[in-house]
Amino acid sequence: MPVVFVSGTGTEIGKTVVTSAIAAAAVAAGRSVAVLKPAQTGVSPDEPGDAAEVVRLAGPTVTALELARYPEPLAPDTAARRSGLATVSPAAVAEAAGRLAAAHDLVLVEGAGGLLVRFDEEGNTLADAARLLAAPVLLVAPAGLGTLNSTALTAEALRARALGPLGVVIGSWPANPDLASRCNLADLPKVSGLPLLGAVPEGSGVLTPDAFRSAAPGWLAPGLDGTWSARSFLEAWPA
């Protein structure tokens, strides 16, 4: 999997921290990694964006590339229109990811918001860029109530576009999960038809970079260069 798209069921659910964890685990496994952020919104020109955050957490050997930046925290198409800046096309995303893949073992393309957020005035989305590369898409989902429906819908949207969903990672696993969160561990694979590939603890993004890099493989399944076991995790958090 030289290129993996990281999307989610919505915004503010932990995509950047999950992307950072995957990058950290891959680096620990001896792989060269790049992260591509096609459209960064809600960040001023002098602020670090999501790609820079991945480098901070996963390590300075990670290559970061951002294609466009818009100041308002809106969908990329809306933010571009309001700012008068150019949008990002699926072809530009695919070209940049392919260029990075030629020089790296793994390229992580982190989307903005959910899978079908519009990137341009034609209505193109992250899914359209992934389709150009026939790349798998990893879904990041929240743990609690409401996640079953949104995860199932996102998985269905991927399959309808002939894209390969890779699996689901819980973006922020609570320290004291409620009943819904514990039940969702078993139910997420059932409703989405996708394997559960990890659970990143809440607050992981505020760890020191060294602590984050050391812990990251333990949050992810072997398919993502980690040591996490879905079966063991379910046994640790029975419903």
Protein backbone atom coordinates (compact mmCIF):
# COMPACT_ATOMS: atom_id res chain seq x y z
CA MET A 1 0.00 0.00 0.00
CA PRO A 2 2.26 2.84 -1.14
CA VAL A 3 -0.61 5.37 -0.87
CA VAL A 4 -3.33 5.28 1.79
CA PHE A 5 -6.07 7.89 2.06
CA VAL A 6 -7.17 8.71 5.61
CA SER A 7 -10.75 9.92 5.77
CA GLY A 8 -13.44 9.86 8.38
CA THR A 9 -17.08 10.03 9.27
CA GLY A 10 -16.90 13.72 10.10
CA THR A 11 -14.68 16.45 11.45
CA GLU A 12 -12.83 16.74 14.76
CA ILE A 13 -12.74 12.97 15.26
CA GLY A 14 -8.99 12.41 15.39
CA LYS A 15 -7.88 12.01 11.77
CA THR A 16 -4.64 13.93 12.25
CA VAL A 17 -3.67 12.03 15.39
CA VAL A 18 -4.47 8.71 13.70
CA THR A 19 -2.44 9.75 10.66
CA SER A 20 0.42 10.66 13.00
CA ALA A 21 0.19 7.29 14.75
CA ILE A 22 0.27 5.39 11.44
CA ALA A 23 3.27 7.45 10.34
CA ALA A 24 5.07 6.86 13.65
CA ALA A 25 4.47 3.11 13.52
CA ALA A 26 5.67 2.93 9.92
CA VAL A 27 8.83 4.90 10.74
CA ALA A 28 9.47 2.58 13.70
CA ALA A 29 9.16 -0.33 11.28
CA GLY A 30 11.90 1.18 9.12
CA ARG A 31 9.72 2.63 6.38
CA SER A 32 10.06 6.05 4.77
CA VAL A 33 6.86 8.06 5.12
CA ALA A 34 5.28 11.15 3.58
CA VAL A 35 2.05 12.87 4.55
CA LEU A 36 0.00 14.89 2.06
CA LYS A 37 -2.69 17.36 3.13
CA PRO A 38 -4.55 18.39 -0.04
CA ALA A 39 -6.55 21.20 1.57
CA GLN A 40 -5.87 22.76 4.96
CA THR A 41 -8.69 24.96 6.25
CA GLY A 42 -9.07 27.16 9.30
CA VAL A 43 -5.37 27.95 9.66
CA SER A 44 -3.62 31.25 9.03
CA PRO A 45 -0.54 31.41 6.77
CA ASP A 46 1.91 31.48 9.68
CA GLU A 47 0.32 28.68 11.72
CA PRO A 48 1.37 25.01 11.53
CA GLY A 49 -1.25 22.85 9.85
CA ASP A 50 -2.16 19.19 10.12
CA ALA A 51 0.79 17.99 8.04
CA ALA A 52 3.20 19.83 10.33
CA GLU A 53 1.48 18.25 13.33
CA VAL A 54 2.10 14.79 11.88
CA VAL A 55 5.78 15.62 11.54
CA ARG A 56 5.91 16.95 15.09
CA LEU A 57 4.37 13.78 16.54
CA ALA A 58 5.75 11.12 14.18
CA GLY A 59 9.24 12.50 13.70
CA PRO A 60 11.34 14.78 11.52
CA THR A 61 12.06 12.06 8.95
CA VAL A 62 8.44 12.31 7.75
CA THR A 63 8.02 14.40 4.61
CA ALA A 64 5.10 16.85 4.71
CA LEU A 65 3.33 18.47 1.77
CA GLU A 66 0.31 20.78 1.75
CA LEU A 67 -1.33 21.71 -1.56
CA ALA A 68 -3.67 24.52 -0.51
CA ARG A 69 -4.52 26.53 2.59
CA TYR A 70 -7.66 28.49 3.32
CA PRO A 71 -8.13 30.72 6.38
CA GLU A 72 -11.72 29.90 7.34
CA PRO A 73 -12.67 26.57 9.02
CA LEU A 74 -15.08 25.48 6.30
CA ALA A 75 -15.33 22.80 3.64
CA PRO A 76 -12.48 23.28 1.13
CA ASP A 77 -14.77 24.32 -1.73
CA THR A 78 -16.59 26.88 0.42
CA ALA A 79 -13.39 28.14 2.01
CA ALA A 80 -11.73 28.55 -1.38
CA ARG A 81 -14.71 30.42 -2.84
CA ARG A 82 -14.94 32.80 0.11
CA SER A 83 -11.20 33.50 0.10
CA GLY A 84 -10.91 33.89 -3.67
CA LEU A 85 -8.23 31.21 -3.80
CA ALA A 86 -7.98 28.32 -6.23
CA THR A 87 -9.50 24.96 -5.38
CA VAL A 88 -7.66 21.63 -5.41
CA SER A 89 -8.56 19.09 -8.10
CA PRO A 90 -8.50 15.30 -7.70
CA ALA A 91 -5.87 15.17 -10.45
CA ALA A 92 -3.59 17.51 -8.49
CA VAL A 93 -3.98 15.37 -5.37
CA ALA A 94 -3.29 12.16 -7.28
CA GLU A 95 -0.27 13.67 -9.02
CA ALA A 96 1.25 14.89 -5.76
CA ALA A 97 0.61 11.57 -4.01
CA GLY A 98 2.15 9.66 -6.91
CA ARG A 99 5.21 11.87 -6.87
CA LEU A 100 5.68 11.29 -3.14
CA ALA A 101 5.12 7.55 -3.56
CA ALA A 102 8.02 7.39 -6.00
CA ALA A 103 10.36 8.42 -3.18
CA HIS A 104 8.69 6.93 -0.09
CA ASP A 105 7.49 3.56 1.13
CA LEU A 106 4.22 4.98 2.42
CA VAL A 107 2.21 8.10 1.58
CA LEU A 108 -0.67 9.10 3.86
CA VAL A 109 -3.20 11.47 2.30
CA GLU A 110 -5.28 13.10 5.02
CA GLY A 111 -8.64 14.47 3.99
CA ALA A 112 -10.63 17.38 5.38
CA GLY A 113 -13.76 16.51 7.34
CA GLY A 114 -15.71 13.53 6.03
CA LEU A 115 -15.28 11.54 2.85
CA LEU A 116 -17.73 13.48 0.66
CA VAL A 117 -16.75 17.01 1.63
CA ARG A 118 -16.49 19.02 -1.59
CA PHE A 119 -13.02 20.06 -2.73
CA ASP A 120 -14.02 22.11 -5.74
CA GLU A 121 -16.93 23.69 -7.56
CA GLU A 122 -17.53 20.52 -9.61
CA GLY A 123 -18.32 18.62 -6.43
CA ASN A 124 -15.21 16.45 -6.45
CA THR A 125 -14.21 14.87 -3.16
CA LEU A 126 -11.35 12.97 -1.56
CA ALA A 127 -12.96 9.81 -2.92
CA ASP A 128 -12.40 11.03 -6.48
CA ALA A 129 -8.69 11.50 -5.82
CA ALA A 130 -8.42 8.05 -4.25
CA ARG A 131 -10.18 6.52 -7.25
CA LEU A 132 -7.60 7.99 -9.64
CA LEU A 133 -4.90 6.05 -7.78
CA ALA A 134 -7.04 3.00 -6.94
CA ALA A 135 -5.82 3.62 -3.39
CA PRO A 136 -7.36 2.16 -0.23
CA VAL A 137 -9.16 4.42 2.22
CA LEU A 138 -8.83 4.11 5.99
CA LEU A 139 -11.84 5.35 7.96
CA VAL A 140 -11.44 7.17 11.26
CA ALA A 141 -14.55 7.04 13.42
CA PRO A 142 -15.56 8.28 16.86
CA ALA A 143 -16.24 5.77 19.61
CA GLY A 144 -19.63 6.79 20.94
CA LEU A 145 -23.29 6.95 20.13
CA GLY A 146 -24.07 7.72 16.48
CA THR A 147 -20.90 6.26 15.02
CA LEU A 148 -22.53 3.09 13.67
CA ASN A 149 -24.74 4.92 11.18
CA SER A 150 -22.09 7.36 9.97
CA THR A 151 -19.45 4.64 9.61
CA ALA A 152 -21.82 2.33 7.72
CA LEU A 153 -22.81 5.17 5.39
CA THR A 154 -19.19 6.10 4.69
CA ALA A 155 -18.25 2.49 3.98
CA GLU A 156 -21.25 2.20 1.66
CA ALA A 157 -20.22 5.38 -0.18
CA LEU A 158 -16.73 3.99 -0.71
CA ARG A 159 -18.01 0.72 -2.13
CA ALA A 160 -20.47 2.53 -4.38
CA ARG A 161 -17.47 4.31 -5.90
CA ALA A 162 -15.54 1.05 -6.38
CA LEU A 163 -13.03 2.05 -3.72
CA GLY A 164 -11.42 -0.34 -1.28
CA PRO A 165 -12.14 0.51 2.36
CA LEU A 166 -9.13 -0.61 4.36
CA GLY A 167 -10.70 -0.69 7.82
CA VAL A 168 -11.73 1.46 10.74
CA VAL A 169 -9.64 3.10 13.45
CA ILE A 170 -11.31 4.71 16.46
CA GLY A 171 -9.87 8.19 16.57
CA SER A 172 -10.25 8.91 20.28
CA TRP A 173 -10.94 6.04 22.64
CA PRO A 174 -12.22 7.35 26.00
CA ALA A 175 -10.38 6.65 29.23
CA ASN A 176 -13.74 5.68 30.75
CA PRO A 177 -15.87 4.46 27.84
CA ASP A 178 -19.64 4.40 28.26
CA LEU A 179 -21.87 1.49 27.32
CA ALA A 180 -22.41 2.70 23.75
CA SER A 181 -18.67 2.96 23.13
CA ARG A 182 -18.02 -0.53 24.49
CA CYS A 183 -20.85 -2.02 22.42
CA ASN A 184 -19.59 -0.23 19.31
CA LEU A 185 -16.31 -2.13 19.44
CA ALA A 186 -18.12 -5.29 18.34
CA ASP A 187 -20.79 -3.55 16.29
CA LEU A 188 -18.60 -1.32 14.09
CA PRO A 189 -17.20 -4.25 12.06
CA LYS A 190 -20.70 -5.73 11.72
CA VAL A 191 -22.40 -2.61 10.37
CA SER A 192 -19.52 -1.47 8.17
CA GLY A 193 -18.22 -4.83 6.98
CA LEU A 194 -14.72 -3.57 7.78
CA PRO A 195 -12.11 -4.77 10.27
CA LEU A 196 -11.34 -2.72 13.34
CA LEU A 197 -7.67 -1.78 12.91
CA GLY A 198 -6.95 0.25 16.01
CA ALA A 199 -8.06 2.58 18.76
CA VAL A 200 -6.08 5.70 19.63
CA PRO A 201 -6.55 6.82 23.25
CA GLU A 202 -8.12 10.22 23.82
CA GLY A 203 -5.57 12.91 24.55
CA SER A 204 -2.78 11.17 22.64
CA GLY A 205 -2.08 14.32 20.64
CA VAL A 206 -0.83 16.12 23.75
CA LEU A 207 1.77 13.49 24.58
CA THR A 208 5.39 14.43 24.10
CA PRO A 209 6.62 13.36 20.67
CA ASP A 210 8.89 10.70 22.20
CA ALA A 211 6.04 9.23 24.24
CA PHE A 212 3.72 9.35 21.23
CA ARG A 213 6.18 7.54 18.96
CA SER A 214 6.85 4.89 21.57
CA ALA A 215 3.17 4.18 22.17
CA ALA A 216 1.79 4.48 18.62
CA PRO A 217 2.43 0.88 17.46
CA GLY A 218 0.39 -0.36 20.41
CA TRP A 219 -2.67 1.50 19.14
CA LEU A 220 -2.69 -0.03 15.65
CA ALA A 221 -3.16 -3.50 14.17
CA PRO A 222 -0.30 -5.38 12.44
CA GLY A 223 -1.61 -4.30 9.03
CA LEU A 224 -0.71 -0.75 10.04
CA ASP A 225 2.73 -1.72 11.41
CA GLY A 226 1.37 -2.06 14.94
CA THR A 227 0.85 -4.69 17.62
CA TRP A 228 -2.76 -3.93 18.63
CA SER A 229 -5.25 -6.82 18.74
CA ALA A 230 -8.96 -6.22 18.22
CA ARG A 231 -9.81 -9.41 20.09
CA SER A 232 -7.74 -8.47 23.12
CA PHE A 233 -9.16 -4.96 23.10
CA LEU A 234 -12.74 -6.25 23.07
CA GLU A 235 -11.93 -8.58 25.96
CA ALA A 236 -10.46 -5.66 27.90
CA TRP A 237 -13.63 -3.55 27.38
CA PRO A 238 -16.61 -5.94 27.59
CA ALA A 239 -20.08 -4.53 26.95
